[in-house]
């Protein structure tokens, strides 16, 4: 008779094999890129892990564990890889006490040429549909496509009573926060005020009846997503399943001037990081002129398996979660 552990190992292996089969059948090529890098994506909101590379003389050069394989995968795209995907080991510092975070985790990331961020919603729905045989009893109905869709503007209006489009300066947004009783730190930036309201009032009230795509994030939250021309929004969505954020997607910005401006802005913002790191300045020069439209999706594999198995914590799917390891050694 198979042990409980062996059944769990088989179940996890089959789940991941099914994900790979989905992309293989659609002509994506699986890639395998480094987890160590001398520079990282322009994302200062993410705390990272630092280590050192020693040369023969014993001199040290800093390296960082990647929070995403994005910096490598975009280089492959620019070299004409075509559609690619990867299940990588990724690393993000902090948030150890959350049931939905582990500092080391599996990240499924894929890039599709000649596709925008809305096309990737369809791809993600098809992925979910292909995984339904692995859904725990009671999970299939809640996870089956089609997904619900809601713009960020509508989410703020519905759950916070705030017209976000009319609050594009920090003063008006902070006033709206005070009106609904959301406390702010002294002199917040617009981005800080947005995130506080979102995490306090909007996110906890998002519908859990079906997977929810939250569309069109504010362009004042800087990312490598392409902007929606003439609007305060960017071509970005995040996916929530059972109230858990499990995926982030963009129509990727490939213009060298716009990427250069973003990197320069992020260089200033990262001064607030507890663990400073080098930014991938070369990203601005990666894509050649005329590169086709491209959509990228980063999806947390452990979180995906967690909601499909109806687990309450990543401890139910990660074999050696750091929270359990630390408890056993306390």
Protein backbone atom coordinates (compact mmCIF):
# COMPACT_ATOMS: atom_id res chain seq x y z
CA UNK A 1 0.00 0.00 0.00
CA UNK A 2 1.32 3.45 -0.94
CA UNK A 3 2.13 5.76 1.95
CA UNK A 4 0.38 9.11 2.39
CA UNK A 5 3.63 10.86 1.52
CA UNK A 6 4.10 8.88 -1.69
CA UNK A 7 0.54 9.66 -2.76
CA UNK A 8 1.24 13.34 -2.16
CA UNK A 9 4.48 13.18 -4.19
CA UNK A 10 2.73 11.45 -7.08
CA UNK A 11 -0.14 13.93 -7.01
CA UNK A 12 2.26 16.89 -7.13
CA UNK A 13 4.36 15.35 -9.91
CA UNK A 14 1.26 14.70 -12.03
CA UNK A 15 -0.01 18.23 -11.45
CA UNK A 16 3.25 19.75 -12.65
CA UNK A 17 3.44 17.31 -15.57
CA UNK A 18 -0.04 18.39 -16.64
CA UNK A 19 1.07 22.04 -16.62
CA UNK A 20 4.06 21.20 -18.80
CA UNK A 21 1.90 19.14 -21.17
CA UNK A 22 -0.44 22.11 -21.60
CA UNK A 23 2.35 24.37 -22.86
CA UNK A 24 4.15 21.66 -24.84
CA UNK A 25 0.96 20.90 -26.76
CA UNK A 26 0.65 24.57 -27.73
CA UNK A 27 4.14 24.85 -29.14
CA UNK A 28 5.84 26.63 -26.25
CA UNK A 29 9.44 25.62 -25.56
CA UNK A 30 10.44 24.93 -21.95
CA UNK A 31 13.60 26.75 -20.88
CA UNK A 32 15.86 26.53 -17.83
CA UNK A 33 17.61 29.71 -16.71
CA UNK A 34 19.92 30.63 -13.77
CA UNK A 35 18.70 31.33 -10.24
CA UNK A 36 21.76 33.49 -9.49
CA UNK A 37 22.27 36.85 -11.18
CA UNK A 38 24.58 39.89 -10.92
CA UNK A 39 21.55 42.18 -11.38
CA UNK A 40 17.77 41.93 -10.99
CA UNK A 41 14.56 43.14 -12.61
CA UNK A 42 13.52 46.75 -11.83
CA UNK A 43 11.15 45.89 -8.98
CA UNK A 44 12.25 47.67 -5.76
CA UNK A 45 9.09 46.66 -3.88
CA UNK A 46 10.48 43.10 -3.71
CA UNK A 47 13.01 42.33 -0.99
CA UNK A 48 15.68 39.90 -2.18
CA UNK A 49 18.41 37.52 -1.01
CA UNK A 50 22.06 38.47 -1.41
CA UNK A 51 25.07 36.15 -1.58
CA UNK A 52 28.67 36.41 -2.78
CA UNK A 53 30.80 34.88 -5.51
CA UNK A 54 34.43 34.36 -4.45
CA UNK A 55 37.23 34.41 -7.00
CA UNK A 56 40.54 32.56 -6.62
CA UNK A 57 42.03 35.43 -4.65
CA UNK A 58 39.12 35.38 -2.23
CA UNK A 59 37.69 38.68 -3.49
CA UNK A 60 33.90 38.78 -3.35
CA UNK A 61 31.39 39.92 -5.93
CA UNK A 62 27.72 40.24 -4.93
CA UNK A 63 25.10 38.04 -6.55
CA UNK A 64 21.39 37.80 -5.87
CA UNK A 65 18.84 35.00 -5.98
CA UNK A 66 16.29 35.85 -8.64
CA UNK A 67 12.73 36.84 -7.61
CA UNK A 68 11.67 35.92 -11.16
CA UNK A 69 13.32 34.44 -14.28
CA UNK A 70 12.05 37.44 -16.25
CA UNK A 71 15.48 39.00 -16.87
CA UNK A 72 16.75 35.83 -18.56
CA UNK A 73 13.58 34.91 -20.41
CA UNK A 74 13.31 38.34 -22.01
CA UNK A 75 16.84 37.96 -23.36
CA UNK A 76 15.82 34.66 -24.93
CA UNK A 77 12.74 36.29 -26.47
CA UNK A 78 14.88 39.06 -27.96
CA UNK A 79 17.16 36.40 -29.51
CA UNK A 80 14.16 34.88 -31.35
CA UNK A 81 13.27 32.02 -29.00
CA UNK A 82 9.58 32.20 -29.86
CA UNK A 83 6.97 31.34 -27.22
CA UNK A 84 8.65 30.01 -24.06
CA UNK A 85 7.75 28.88 -20.55
CA UNK A 86 9.54 27.82 -17.41
CA UNK A 87 8.85 26.48 -13.92
CA UNK A 88 11.67 28.10 -11.95
CA UNK A 89 12.82 28.29 -8.38
CA UNK A 90 12.39 31.92 -7.34
CA UNK A 91 13.20 33.73 -4.11
CA UNK A 92 11.64 36.67 -2.28
CA UNK A 93 12.55 37.86 1.18
CA UNK A 94 10.14 38.80 3.97
CA UNK A 95 6.52 37.77 4.63
CA UNK A 96 7.56 34.53 6.33
CA UNK A 97 4.59 34.66 8.71
CA UNK A 98 2.00 34.62 5.90
CA UNK A 99 0.34 31.28 5.03
CA UNK A 100 0.56 32.28 1.34
CA UNK A 101 4.29 33.10 1.24
CA UNK A 102 7.47 31.07 1.30
CA UNK A 103 10.86 32.63 0.56
CA UNK A 104 11.65 29.92 -2.00
CA UNK A 105 8.84 28.98 -4.37
CA UNK A 106 7.99 27.61 -7.80
CA UNK A 107 7.12 30.28 -10.36
CA UNK A 108 5.50 29.37 -13.66
CA UNK A 109 6.33 32.08 -16.19
CA UNK A 110 5.42 32.14 -19.86
CA UNK A 111 5.73 34.60 -22.75
CA UNK A 112 3.56 34.70 -25.85
CA UNK A 113 4.45 36.62 -29.01
CA UNK A 114 1.84 38.48 -31.06
CA UNK A 115 -0.39 38.59 -27.98
CA UNK A 116 -1.46 41.23 -25.48
CA UNK A 117 -2.44 41.02 -21.84
CA UNK A 118 -6.08 40.28 -22.61
CA UNK A 119 -5.08 37.37 -24.85
CA UNK A 120 -3.23 35.90 -21.86
CA UNK A 121 -6.47 35.79 -19.88
CA UNK A 122 -7.77 33.31 -22.46
CA UNK A 123 -4.54 31.29 -22.19
CA UNK A 124 -4.81 31.17 -18.39
CA UNK A 125 -8.45 30.09 -18.54
CA UNK A 126 -7.43 27.25 -20.87
CA UNK A 127 -4.67 26.25 -18.43
CA UNK A 128 -7.17 26.10 -15.56
CA UNK A 129 -9.55 24.06 -17.68
CA UNK A 130 -6.77 21.54 -18.44
CA UNK A 131 -6.09 21.09 -14.71
CA UNK A 132 -9.67 20.37 -13.60
CA UNK A 133 -9.05 16.63 -13.22
CA UNK A 134 -6.64 17.55 -10.39
CA UNK A 135 -9.12 19.74 -8.52
CA UNK A 136 -10.12 18.58 -5.05
CA UNK A 137 -13.81 17.85 -4.37
CA UNK A 138 -15.65 21.16 -4.19
CA UNK A 139 -12.89 23.12 -5.94
CA UNK A 140 -13.88 22.46 -9.54
CA UNK A 141 -17.01 24.63 -9.48
CA UNK A 142 -15.15 27.54 -7.88
CA UNK A 143 -12.17 27.37 -10.26
CA UNK A 144 -13.77 26.56 -13.60
CA UNK A 145 -13.52 29.18 -16.36
CA UNK A 146 -14.69 31.60 -17.53
CA UNK A 147 -13.09 33.97 -15.02
CA UNK A 148 -14.83 37.04 -13.70
CA UNK A 149 -13.30 40.32 -14.85
CA UNK A 150 -13.20 43.65 -13.04
CA UNK A 151 -11.17 46.77 -13.73
CA UNK A 152 -9.21 48.34 -10.90
CA UNK A 153 -11.24 51.53 -11.35
CA UNK A 154 -14.49 49.61 -10.86
CA UNK A 155 -13.05 47.69 -7.90
CA UNK A 156 -12.17 50.94 -6.09
CA UNK A 157 -15.57 52.43 -6.87
CA UNK A 158 -17.44 49.29 -5.77
CA UNK A 159 -15.52 48.44 -2.60
CA UNK A 160 -14.09 51.77 -1.44
CA UNK A 161 -16.46 54.30 -3.00
CA UNK A 162 -13.46 56.06 -4.60
CA UNK A 163 -13.32 57.30 -8.19
CA UNK A 164 -9.68 56.45 -8.78
CA UNK A 165 -9.49 58.21 -12.13
CA UNK A 166 -10.37 61.51 -10.41
CA UNK A 167 -7.76 60.94 -7.68
CA UNK A 168 -4.53 61.02 -9.65
CA UNK A 169 -2.70 63.22 -7.15
CA UNK A 170 -1.71 62.08 -3.67
CA UNK A 171 -3.63 64.83 -1.91
CA UNK A 172 -7.02 63.86 -3.31
CA UNK A 173 -6.37 60.15 -2.78
CA UNK A 174 -5.30 60.73 0.85
CA UNK A 175 -8.45 62.79 1.43
CA UNK A 176 -10.57 59.94 0.11
CA UNK A 177 -8.72 57.54 2.40
CA UNK A 178 -9.50 59.77 5.40
CA UNK A 179 -13.16 59.94 4.34
CA UNK A 180 -13.52 56.14 4.48
CA UNK A 181 -11.44 55.79 7.66
CA UNK A 182 -8.22 54.36 6.19
CA UNK A 183 -5.17 55.60 8.08
CA UNK A 184 -2.17 56.92 6.14
CA UNK A 185 1.45 57.50 7.17
CA UNK A 186 2.81 61.03 7.09
CA UNK A 187 3.51 62.26 3.54
CA UNK A 188 2.72 59.10 1.59
CA UNK A 189 3.45 58.81 -2.10
CA UNK A 190 0.53 58.20 -4.45
CA UNK A 191 1.66 54.60 -4.87
CA UNK A 192 1.81 54.06 -1.09
CA UNK A 193 -1.65 55.55 -0.61
CA UNK A 194 -3.04 53.38 -3.40
CA UNK A 195 -1.61 50.17 -1.95
CA UNK A 196 -2.83 50.93 1.57
CA UNK A 197 -6.40 51.52 0.38
CA UNK A 198 -6.27 48.50 -1.90
CA UNK A 199 -4.94 46.10 0.74
CA UNK A 200 -7.17 47.47 3.52
CA UNK A 201 -10.52 47.91 1.79
CA UNK A 202 -10.55 46.62 -1.79
CA UNK A 203 -8.66 43.30 -1.87
CA UNK A 204 -10.41 41.75 1.18
CA UNK A 205 -13.80 42.36 -0.47
CA UNK A 206 -13.08 40.96 -3.92
CA UNK A 207 -15.49 38.22 -4.94
CA UNK A 208 -14.39 34.63 -4.30
CA UNK A 209 -17.22 32.97 -6.20
CA UNK A 210 -15.04 32.49 -9.32
CA UNK A 211 -11.43 33.24 -10.26
CA UNK A 212 -11.24 37.01 -10.72
CA UNK A 213 -9.07 38.93 -13.18
CA UNK A 214 -8.38 42.43 -11.85
CA UNK A 215 -7.61 44.52 -14.93
CA UNK A 216 -5.88 47.79 -15.76
CA UNK A 217 -3.64 48.71 -12.84
CA UNK A 218 -2.71 52.39 -12.36
CA UNK A 219 0.28 53.50 -14.40
CA UNK A 220 1.46 55.36 -11.27
CA UNK A 221 2.42 51.91 -9.95
CA UNK A 222 5.50 51.51 -12.19
CA UNK A 223 6.10 48.16 -13.90
CA UNK A 224 7.37 46.96 -17.26
CA UNK A 225 3.75 46.81 -18.49
CA UNK A 226 2.86 48.83 -21.58
CA UNK A 227 0.70 51.87 -20.85
CA UNK A 228 -2.85 52.32 -22.14
CA UNK A 229 -2.46 55.39 -24.31
CA UNK A 230 -4.38 58.45 -23.13
CA UNK A 231 -5.43 56.85 -19.83
CA UNK A 232 -4.04 56.58 -16.29
CA UNK A 233 -3.91 52.77 -16.63
CA UNK A 234 -1.42 50.15 -17.72
CA UNK A 235 -1.96 46.90 -19.64
CA UNK A 236 -1.72 44.68 -16.59
CA UNK A 237 -3.91 42.23 -14.71
CA UNK A 238 -3.67 40.07 -11.62
CA UNK A 239 -5.59 36.86 -11.02
CA UNK A 240 -7.26 35.98 -7.73
CA UNK A 241 -8.54 32.49 -6.93
CA UNK A 242 -10.30 31.81 -3.62
CA UNK A 243 -9.14 35.27 -2.53
CA UNK A 244 -5.45 34.44 -3.17
CA UNK A 245 -3.45 36.45 -5.71
CA UNK A 246 -1.77 33.84 -7.90
CA UNK A 247 -0.78 35.51 -11.19
CA UNK A 248 0.47 38.79 -12.61
CA UNK A 249 0.41 39.58 -16.34
CA UNK A 250 1.45 42.40 -18.68
CA UNK A 251 1.55 43.42 -22.24
CA UNK A 252 5.32 43.87 -22.09
CA UNK A 253 6.88 47.24 -22.78
CA UNK A 254 9.69 46.78 -25.29
CA UNK A 255 10.50 50.41 -26.19
CA UNK A 256 14.10 51.13 -25.12
CA UNK A 257 13.47 54.77 -24.17
CA UNK A 258 10.47 53.94 -21.99
CA UNK A 259 12.28 51.02 -20.34
CA UNK A 260 15.30 53.23 -19.70
CA UNK A 261 13.12 55.84 -18.00
CA UNK A 262 11.50 53.14 -15.85
CA UNK A 263 14.87 51.76 -14.76
CA UNK A 264 16.13 55.23 -13.86
CA UNK A 265 13.00 55.80 -11.76
CA UNK A 266 13.31 52.42 -10.05
CA UNK A 267 16.98 53.08 -9.24
CA UNK A 268 15.81 55.95 -7.06
CA UNK A 269 13.00 53.96 -5.43
CA UNK A 270 15.17 50.99 -4.50
CA UNK A 271 17.11 53.13 -2.02
CA UNK A 272 14.43 52.15 0.48
CA UNK A 273 15.16 48.41 0.14
CA UNK A 274 16.62 46.69 3.20
CA UNK A 275 18.86 44.62 0.90
CA UNK A 276 20.09 46.84 -1.97
CA UNK A 277 20.76 45.19 -5.29
CA UNK A 278 21.98 46.00 -8.78
CA UNK A 279 19.27 46.72 -11.34
CA UNK A 280 19.27 45.09 -14.76
CA UNK A 281 20.10 48.26 -16.73
CA UNK A 282 20.63 46.17 -19.84
CA UNK A 283 16.90 45.43 -19.97
CA UNK A 284 16.35 48.76 -21.73
CA UNK A 285 18.50 47.58 -24.66
CA UNK A 286 17.31 43.98 -24.89
CA UNK A 287 14.51 44.28 -27.44
CA UNK A 288 15.28 45.27 -31.04
CA UNK A 289 13.24 47.95 -32.79
CA UNK A 290 10.02 46.57 -34.20
CA UNK A 291 9.80 43.68 -31.73
CA UNK A 292 6.27 42.23 -31.91
CA UNK A 293 3.66 42.63 -29.21
CA UNK A 294 4.36 40.24 -26.36
CA UNK A 295 2.51 39.18 -23.24
CA UNK A 296 4.12 37.73 -20.12
CA UNK A 297 2.45 35.92 -17.22
CA UNK A 298 4.03 34.97 -13.88
CA UNK A 299 1.96 32.47 -11.88
CA UNK A 300 2.79 31.04 -8.47
CA UNK A 301 2.76 27.25 -8.94
CA UNK A 302 2.62 26.50 -5.23
CA UNK A 303 -0.34 28.85 -4.79
CA UNK A 304 -2.02 27.37 -7.86
CA UNK A 305 -1.71 23.87 -6.44
CA UNK A 306 -2.84 25.14 -3.04
CA UNK A 307 -6.17 26.46 -4.36
CA UNK A 308 -6.72 23.39 -6.55
CA UNK A 309 -6.15 21.14 -3.53
CA UNK A 310 -8.26 23.44 -1.28
CA UNK A 311 -5.38 23.80 1.16
CA UNK A 312 -5.41 26.76 3.56
CA UNK A 313 -1.65 27.25 3.55
CA UNK A 314 1.38 26.63 1.37
CA UNK A 315 2.47 24.16 4.04
CA UNK A 316 -0.07 21.81 2.46
CA UNK A 317 1.82 21.70 -0.86
CA UNK A 318 5.46 22.68 -0.22
CA UNK A 319 7.38 19.66 1.07
CA UNK A 320 9.78 21.61 3.30
CA UNK A 321 8.25 25.06 3.97
CA UNK A 322 10.57 27.39 5.83
CA UNK A 323 7.89 28.11 8.46
CA UNK A 324 7.78 24.42 9.45
CA UNK A 325 11.58 24.11 9.35
CA UNK A 326 12.00 27.11 11.66
CA UNK A 327 9.35 25.77 14.08
CA UNK A 328 11.15 22.44 14.32
CA UNK A 329 14.39 24.20 15.23
CA UNK A 330 13.01 26.76 17.68
